[in-house]
């Protein structure tokens, strides 16, 4: 067998050891690669030298098993924020020199680099670097995030380990939470999408309210059917109710050009009307979030349906007026 084939088999074994929950024993490596026990032990040692491995604890068995620490292979193939920012810097320079025929492929390459880099913090790191270099600026208001919290969440997401943190609910009650992290939603407010062992649904936790965030040594089995886009299609922003509402809005002619190019919601339908107005429909939960969004449009938007949303909007308006 060619040396290249041997290397390929070892790398595939390393990948399998990363994905395994129960781990691999020496006998399993023997069977997988069709080698002697001595060779299997050498291969295990080689993988241990190159990657981070850990022994799987199993009190009911005397057979030792090992697996790769999750996130090990991902970090090897990941691009750094500095590398991506440098390429975006080059793209900006080439555009300024009118080398448009030379940099048409760069946006697609940069996007692929970001997608293949499985780190939730990469986009923020890139933005920060570009801002320092004078190519970007954060104009919109947003809540400041603790870098340590971001780092811990990133580590837990890559390794598929449970997170623990102290969290205060709307009633002011503080509780220690242990959750399986699934995703992060960025915006004016940033949320962690996670699920506890006793939770029936995926919950959203505000990052700025997460205190003493820690990554445990306990792995969780990720639900491979989870789809972030599908999950958010039932929500407006990060707010999600159990029963989404059928929303129907009417925007005035004054904002026609903006609203026809505006993404309010993933499942929205935009209908231009003959009188210049625009009707937008979608299904989502989160009445308060929708109302807060509609405030910024002032008199240029009208809620047509449902009545529940109209009532919430009027209630919030009256509460504001009482403070005037």
Protein backbone atom coordinates (compact mmCIF):
# COMPACT_ATOMS: atom_id res chain seq x y z
CA UNK A 1 0.00 0.00 0.00
CA UNK A 2 1.28 3.45 -0.88
CA UNK A 3 2.45 5.74 1.94
CA UNK A 4 -0.18 8.30 0.91
CA UNK A 5 -2.92 5.73 1.45
CA UNK A 6 -1.53 4.96 4.94
CA UNK A 7 -1.63 8.65 5.87
CA UNK A 8 -5.15 8.97 4.51
CA UNK A 9 -6.31 6.02 6.63
CA UNK A 10 -4.74 7.48 9.78
CA UNK A 11 -6.36 10.87 9.16
CA UNK A 12 -9.73 9.21 8.57
CA UNK A 13 -9.25 7.31 11.83
CA UNK A 14 -8.49 10.60 13.60
CA UNK A 15 -11.72 12.03 12.20
CA UNK A 16 -13.67 8.98 13.39
CA UNK A 17 -12.07 9.30 16.83
CA UNK A 18 -13.20 12.90 16.94
CA UNK A 19 -16.82 11.98 16.10
CA UNK A 20 -16.98 8.98 18.43
CA UNK A 21 -18.71 9.31 21.79
CA UNK A 22 -17.52 5.97 23.21
CA UNK A 23 -13.97 6.20 21.84
CA UNK A 24 -11.63 3.73 20.12
CA UNK A 25 -9.71 0.89 21.74
CA UNK A 26 -6.45 -0.62 20.42
CA UNK A 27 -8.43 -3.62 19.18
CA UNK A 28 -10.83 -1.34 17.31
CA UNK A 29 -7.88 0.44 15.64
CA UNK A 30 -6.51 -2.99 14.67
CA UNK A 31 -9.80 -3.97 13.08
CA UNK A 32 -10.30 -0.59 11.41
CA UNK A 33 -6.89 -0.52 9.71
CA UNK A 34 -6.19 -4.28 9.48
CA UNK A 35 -2.86 -4.00 11.32
CA UNK A 36 -1.09 -5.77 14.15
CA UNK A 37 -1.59 -4.78 17.78
CA UNK A 38 1.89 -3.25 17.93
CA UNK A 39 1.20 -1.13 14.83
CA UNK A 40 -2.19 -0.10 16.22
CA UNK A 41 -0.48 1.12 19.42
CA UNK A 42 2.05 3.10 17.37
CA UNK A 43 -0.75 4.70 15.34
CA UNK A 44 -2.57 5.66 18.54
CA UNK A 45 0.65 7.27 19.81
CA UNK A 46 1.13 9.14 16.50
CA UNK A 47 -2.41 10.53 16.67
CA UNK A 48 -1.80 11.47 20.31
CA UNK A 49 1.39 13.36 19.37
CA UNK A 50 -0.28 15.33 16.58
CA UNK A 51 -3.76 15.89 18.05
CA UNK A 52 -5.22 16.25 21.52
CA UNK A 53 -6.77 12.97 22.66
CA UNK A 54 -8.43 11.98 25.91
CA UNK A 55 -9.25 8.69 27.55
CA UNK A 56 -12.96 7.84 27.73
CA UNK A 57 -13.98 6.94 31.26
CA UNK A 58 -15.97 3.70 31.49
CA UNK A 59 -16.14 2.16 35.01
CA UNK A 60 -17.94 -0.92 33.66
CA UNK A 61 -15.06 -1.96 31.40
CA UNK A 62 -11.32 -2.51 31.83
CA UNK A 63 -10.70 -1.87 28.14
CA UNK A 64 -9.14 1.54 27.55
CA UNK A 65 -10.60 3.75 24.84
CA UNK A 66 -9.59 7.15 23.49
CA UNK A 67 -11.10 9.89 21.37
CA UNK A 68 -9.99 13.23 19.99
CA UNK A 69 -11.05 16.29 21.94
CA UNK A 70 -13.83 17.84 19.88
CA UNK A 71 -12.82 20.98 18.03
CA UNK A 72 -9.23 19.76 17.50
CA UNK A 73 -9.48 19.15 13.75
CA UNK A 74 -11.66 22.22 13.24
CA UNK A 75 -8.98 24.51 14.66
CA UNK A 76 -6.35 23.08 12.29
CA UNK A 77 -8.35 23.88 9.16
CA UNK A 78 -9.75 27.19 10.41
CA UNK A 79 -8.65 30.54 9.04
CA UNK A 80 -7.76 33.24 11.53
CA UNK A 81 -9.57 36.56 11.72
CA UNK A 82 -6.30 38.29 10.81
CA UNK A 83 -5.95 36.17 7.63
CA UNK A 84 -9.50 36.92 6.50
CA UNK A 85 -9.17 40.61 7.32
CA UNK A 86 -5.91 40.80 5.34
CA UNK A 87 -7.63 39.33 2.29
CA UNK A 88 -10.54 41.78 2.66
CA UNK A 89 -7.93 44.56 2.97
CA UNK A 90 -6.40 43.42 -0.34
CA UNK A 91 -9.85 43.33 -1.93
CA UNK A 92 -10.50 46.95 -0.90
CA UNK A 93 -7.11 48.04 -2.27
CA UNK A 94 -7.65 46.27 -5.59
CA UNK A 95 -11.04 47.94 -5.99
CA UNK A 96 -9.49 51.34 -5.25
CA UNK A 97 -6.98 50.68 -8.06
CA UNK A 98 -9.78 49.63 -10.46
CA UNK A 99 -8.54 46.04 -10.67
CA UNK A 100 -12.16 44.89 -10.80
CA UNK A 101 -11.48 42.08 -13.28
CA UNK A 102 -8.93 40.66 -10.85
CA UNK A 103 -11.00 40.67 -7.67
CA UNK A 104 -14.46 39.53 -8.80
CA UNK A 105 -13.86 36.11 -7.19
CA UNK A 106 -12.61 37.45 -3.87
CA UNK A 107 -16.03 38.00 -2.18
CA UNK A 108 -16.92 34.34 -2.83
CA UNK A 109 -13.53 33.12 -1.58
CA UNK A 110 -13.77 35.23 1.57
CA UNK A 111 -17.30 33.98 2.25
CA UNK A 112 -16.17 30.34 1.88
CA UNK A 113 -13.33 30.99 4.31
CA UNK A 114 -15.79 32.38 6.86
CA UNK A 115 -18.19 29.46 6.39
CA UNK A 116 -15.49 26.77 6.71
CA UNK A 117 -14.09 28.49 9.80
CA UNK A 118 -16.37 27.04 12.45
CA UNK A 119 -16.01 29.83 15.01
CA UNK A 120 -18.89 32.03 16.11
CA UNK A 121 -16.47 34.86 16.99
CA UNK A 122 -14.73 35.06 13.61
CA UNK A 123 -17.05 37.62 12.03
CA UNK A 124 -16.80 39.97 14.99
CA UNK A 125 -13.00 39.57 15.01
CA UNK A 126 -12.85 40.41 11.31
CA UNK A 127 -15.09 43.44 11.80
CA UNK A 128 -12.89 44.67 14.64
CA UNK A 129 -9.75 44.31 12.54
CA UNK A 130 -11.30 46.10 9.58
CA UNK A 131 -12.46 48.87 11.89
CA UNK A 132 -8.92 49.33 13.19
CA UNK A 133 -7.62 49.47 9.61
CA UNK A 134 -10.15 52.16 8.73
CA UNK A 135 -12.36 50.10 6.37
CA UNK A 136 -15.34 49.61 8.68
CA UNK A 137 -17.21 51.31 11.47
CA UNK A 138 -19.93 50.08 13.83
CA UNK A 139 -22.65 52.70 13.54
CA UNK A 140 -25.70 50.91 14.96
CA UNK A 141 -26.25 50.82 18.74
CA UNK A 142 -25.65 47.48 20.40
CA UNK A 143 -24.97 45.93 23.79
CA UNK A 144 -21.31 45.44 24.70
CA UNK A 145 -20.27 41.81 25.03
CA UNK A 146 -17.77 40.24 27.41
CA UNK A 147 -14.90 38.70 25.36
CA UNK A 148 -14.54 35.93 27.96
CA UNK A 149 -18.18 34.92 27.52
CA UNK A 150 -17.74 34.88 23.73
CA UNK A 151 -14.61 32.76 24.07
CA UNK A 152 -16.29 30.22 26.36
CA UNK A 153 -19.31 29.89 24.08
CA UNK A 154 -17.06 29.42 21.06
CA UNK A 155 -15.10 26.71 22.87
CA UNK A 156 -18.27 24.88 23.93
CA UNK A 157 -19.81 25.07 20.44
CA UNK A 158 -16.69 23.60 18.81
CA UNK A 159 -16.26 20.85 21.39
CA UNK A 160 -20.00 20.13 21.84
CA UNK A 161 -19.69 20.49 25.60
CA UNK A 162 -22.22 21.76 28.12
CA UNK A 163 -22.03 25.36 29.33
CA UNK A 164 -22.84 26.54 32.82
CA UNK A 165 -23.59 30.14 33.82
CA UNK A 166 -25.63 32.19 36.24
CA UNK A 167 -28.62 33.88 34.63
CA UNK A 168 -31.21 36.33 35.95
CA UNK A 169 -34.74 36.02 34.52
CA UNK A 170 -37.27 38.83 33.97
CA UNK A 171 -38.45 38.52 37.57
CA UNK A 172 -34.94 39.18 38.83
CA UNK A 173 -34.48 35.60 40.02
CA UNK A 174 -30.95 34.28 39.50
CA UNK A 175 -30.37 30.64 38.68
CA UNK A 176 -27.45 28.44 37.70
CA UNK A 177 -28.09 27.10 34.20
CA UNK A 178 -26.52 24.12 32.47
CA UNK A 179 -27.26 24.03 28.74
CA UNK A 180 -26.17 22.49 25.45
CA UNK A 181 -25.19 25.42 23.16
CA UNK A 182 -26.38 25.30 19.54
CA UNK A 183 -25.93 28.74 17.97
CA UNK A 184 -25.60 32.48 18.48
CA UNK A 185 -27.88 35.19 17.09
CA UNK A 186 -26.15 38.52 16.53
CA UNK A 187 -27.93 41.85 16.42
CA UNK A 188 -28.56 44.85 18.62
CA UNK A 189 -28.86 42.21 21.34
CA UNK A 190 -26.89 38.97 21.09
CA UNK A 191 -28.46 35.67 22.14
CA UNK A 192 -27.24 32.16 22.79
CA UNK A 193 -29.56 29.47 21.41
CA UNK A 194 -29.35 26.52 23.79
CA UNK A 195 -31.27 23.66 25.29
CA UNK A 196 -31.17 22.25 28.80
CA UNK A 197 -31.82 18.60 29.63
CA UNK A 198 -35.23 19.52 31.07
CA UNK A 199 -36.17 22.08 28.41
CA UNK A 200 -38.82 21.14 25.86
CA UNK A 201 -37.83 23.91 23.46
CA UNK A 202 -34.67 25.76 22.48
CA UNK A 203 -34.28 28.86 24.62
CA UNK A 204 -32.59 32.20 23.93
CA UNK A 205 -30.23 33.65 26.54
CA UNK A 206 -28.97 37.25 26.41
CA UNK A 207 -25.18 37.15 26.42
CA UNK A 208 -24.77 40.27 28.52
CA UNK A 209 -26.81 38.64 31.31
CA UNK A 210 -24.70 35.46 31.38
CA UNK A 211 -22.36 35.52 34.38
CA UNK A 212 -19.50 33.17 35.40
CA UNK A 213 -19.74 31.26 32.12
CA UNK A 214 -17.85 27.97 32.23
CA UNK A 215 -17.25 25.09 29.81
CA UNK A 216 -17.81 21.72 31.48
CA UNK A 217 -15.94 18.49 30.75
CA UNK A 218 -19.23 16.84 29.81
CA UNK A 219 -20.15 16.29 26.16
CA UNK A 220 -23.68 16.36 24.78
CA UNK A 221 -25.14 14.58 21.77
CA UNK A 222 -26.13 17.31 19.36
CA UNK A 223 -29.51 17.06 17.68
CA UNK A 224 -28.43 16.86 14.04
CA UNK A 225 -31.95 17.80 12.89
CA UNK A 226 -31.57 21.29 14.39
CA UNK A 227 -31.57 23.96 11.69
CA UNK A 228 -30.94 27.55 12.75
CA UNK A 229 -32.71 29.14 9.78
CA UNK A 230 -35.74 26.93 10.29
CA UNK A 231 -35.68 27.70 14.00
CA UNK A 232 -35.61 31.47 13.37
CA UNK A 233 -38.34 31.29 10.75
CA UNK A 234 -40.84 31.03 13.63
CA UNK A 235 -39.46 34.09 15.40
CA UNK A 236 -39.15 37.81 14.80
CA UNK A 237 -35.55 38.71 15.52
CA UNK A 238 -34.61 36.57 18.50
CA UNK A 239 -38.06 36.55 20.13
CA UNK A 240 -39.95 33.33 19.71
CA UNK A 241 -43.40 32.35 20.93
CA UNK A 242 -44.85 28.85 20.92
CA UNK A 243 -47.61 29.94 18.50
CA UNK A 244 -46.47 32.26 15.67
CA UNK A 245 -48.93 34.93 14.51
CA UNK A 246 -49.98 35.67 10.94
CA UNK A 247 -48.76 39.25 10.49
CA UNK A 248 -50.04 41.65 7.83
CA UNK A 249 -48.56 45.15 7.56
CA UNK A 250 -49.20 48.08 5.25
CA UNK A 251 -46.33 50.48 4.49
CA UNK A 252 -46.93 53.90 2.94
CA UNK A 253 -45.69 55.14 -0.42
CA UNK A 254 -43.03 57.21 1.40
CA UNK A 255 -40.99 54.08 2.22
CA UNK A 256 -41.80 52.06 -0.91
CA UNK A 257 -38.21 51.83 -2.20
CA UNK A 258 -36.83 50.91 1.21
CA UNK A 259 -39.39 48.31 2.20
CA UNK A 260 -39.24 46.50 -1.15
CA UNK A 261 -35.53 45.92 -0.51
CA UNK A 262 -35.86 45.29 3.22
CA UNK A 263 -35.70 41.87 4.85
CA UNK A 264 -38.14 41.91 7.74
CA UNK A 265 -38.42 38.16 8.06
CA UNK A 266 -37.19 34.98 6.26
CA UNK A 267 -40.73 33.91 5.21
CA UNK A 268 -41.99 37.37 4.26
CA UNK A 269 -44.10 38.10 1.18
CA UNK A 270 -43.93 41.62 -0.27
CA UNK A 271 -46.90 42.80 -2.36
CA UNK A 272 -46.67 46.18 -4.17
CA UNK A 273 -50.09 47.85 -4.35
CA UNK A 274 -51.44 50.03 -7.20
CA UNK A 275 -51.69 53.08 -4.94
CA UNK A 276 -47.95 52.98 -4.14
CA UNK A 277 -48.30 51.32 -0.75
CA UNK A 278 -46.70 47.96 0.07
CA UNK A 279 -48.25 45.03 1.91
CA UNK A 280 -45.92 42.71 3.83
CA UNK A 281 -47.03 39.40 5.32
CA UNK A 282 -45.17 36.79 7.37
CA UNK A 283 -45.63 34.39 10.28
CA UNK A 284 -43.68 34.97 13.48
CA UNK A 285 -43.85 35.11 17.25
CA UNK A 286 -42.64 37.88 19.53
CA UNK A 287 -45.30 40.62 19.63
CA UNK A 288 -43.15 43.02 21.67
CA UNK A 289 -40.17 42.66 19.34
CA UNK A 290 -42.39 43.32 16.31
CA UNK A 291 -43.90 46.41 17.94
CA UNK A 292 -40.48 47.79 18.86
CA UNK A 293 -39.44 47.35 15.25
CA UNK A 294 -42.60 49.05 13.94
CA UNK A 295 -42.08 52.13 16.16
CA UNK A 296 -39.17 53.23 13.99
CA UNK A 297 -41.44 53.45 10.92
CA UNK A 298 -43.81 55.87 12.67
CA UNK A 299 -46.88 56.84 10.63
CA UNK A 300 -45.54 55.02 7.54
CA UNK A 301 -46.72 51.62 8.78
CA UNK A 302 -50.12 50.27 9.76
CA UNK A 303 -50.93 46.92 11.38
CA UNK A 304 -53.70 45.19 9.43
CA UNK A 305 -53.61 41.84 11.22
CA UNK A 306 -53.84 40.33 13.80
CA UNK A 307 -55.88 42.13 16.45
CA UNK A 308 -53.56 40.79 19.16
CA UNK A 309 -50.64 42.69 17.66
CA UNK A 310 -52.74 45.87 17.30
CA UNK A 311 -53.67 45.68 20.98
CA UNK A 312 -50.05 45.21 22.05
CA UNK A 313 -48.96 48.16 19.89
CA UNK A 314 -51.65 50.44 21.40
CA UNK A 315 -50.72 49.31 24.92
CA UNK A 316 -47.07 50.19 24.40
CA UNK A 317 -47.94 53.54 22.82
CA UNK A 318 -50.17 54.44 25.79
CA UNK A 319 -47.42 53.49 28.24
CA UNK A 320 -45.03 55.83 26.41
CA UNK A 321 -47.58 58.66 26.31
CA UNK A 322 -48.12 58.32 30.07
CA UNK A 323 -44.46 59.18 30.56
CA UNK A 324 -44.68 62.40 28.51
